[in-house]
Amino acid sequence: MMWQLLQCPSSTGDPLLDEKTAAFATYVDATRINGSFHAALWSHYDNLGPRTTNLAERWHNGLNTNLGVSHPVVIVVL
């Protein structure tokens, strides 16, 4: 549904915004819809493994989960 709206957006009255929206639609079509990035690569709906490819994000999420707080305070004693 959203992709269909993005393909034929209504005019916003701002030519620059309309141009950027069209450029974004072209990019999404060329890379995600008809490009080499198949849906299995960018959709993690049925994924049982890590839901991110960003190793740092995954590590921080694991740290926050294990410590039980979102922003742990780490004190380094020398």
Foldseek 3Di string as FASTA:
>chain_A
DVLVCLCPPDDPVDVVVVVVSNVVNVVCCCPEVPHPCDCVNVDCPPPPDDPDPPVVVVVLVVVCVVVVHNDDDDDDDD
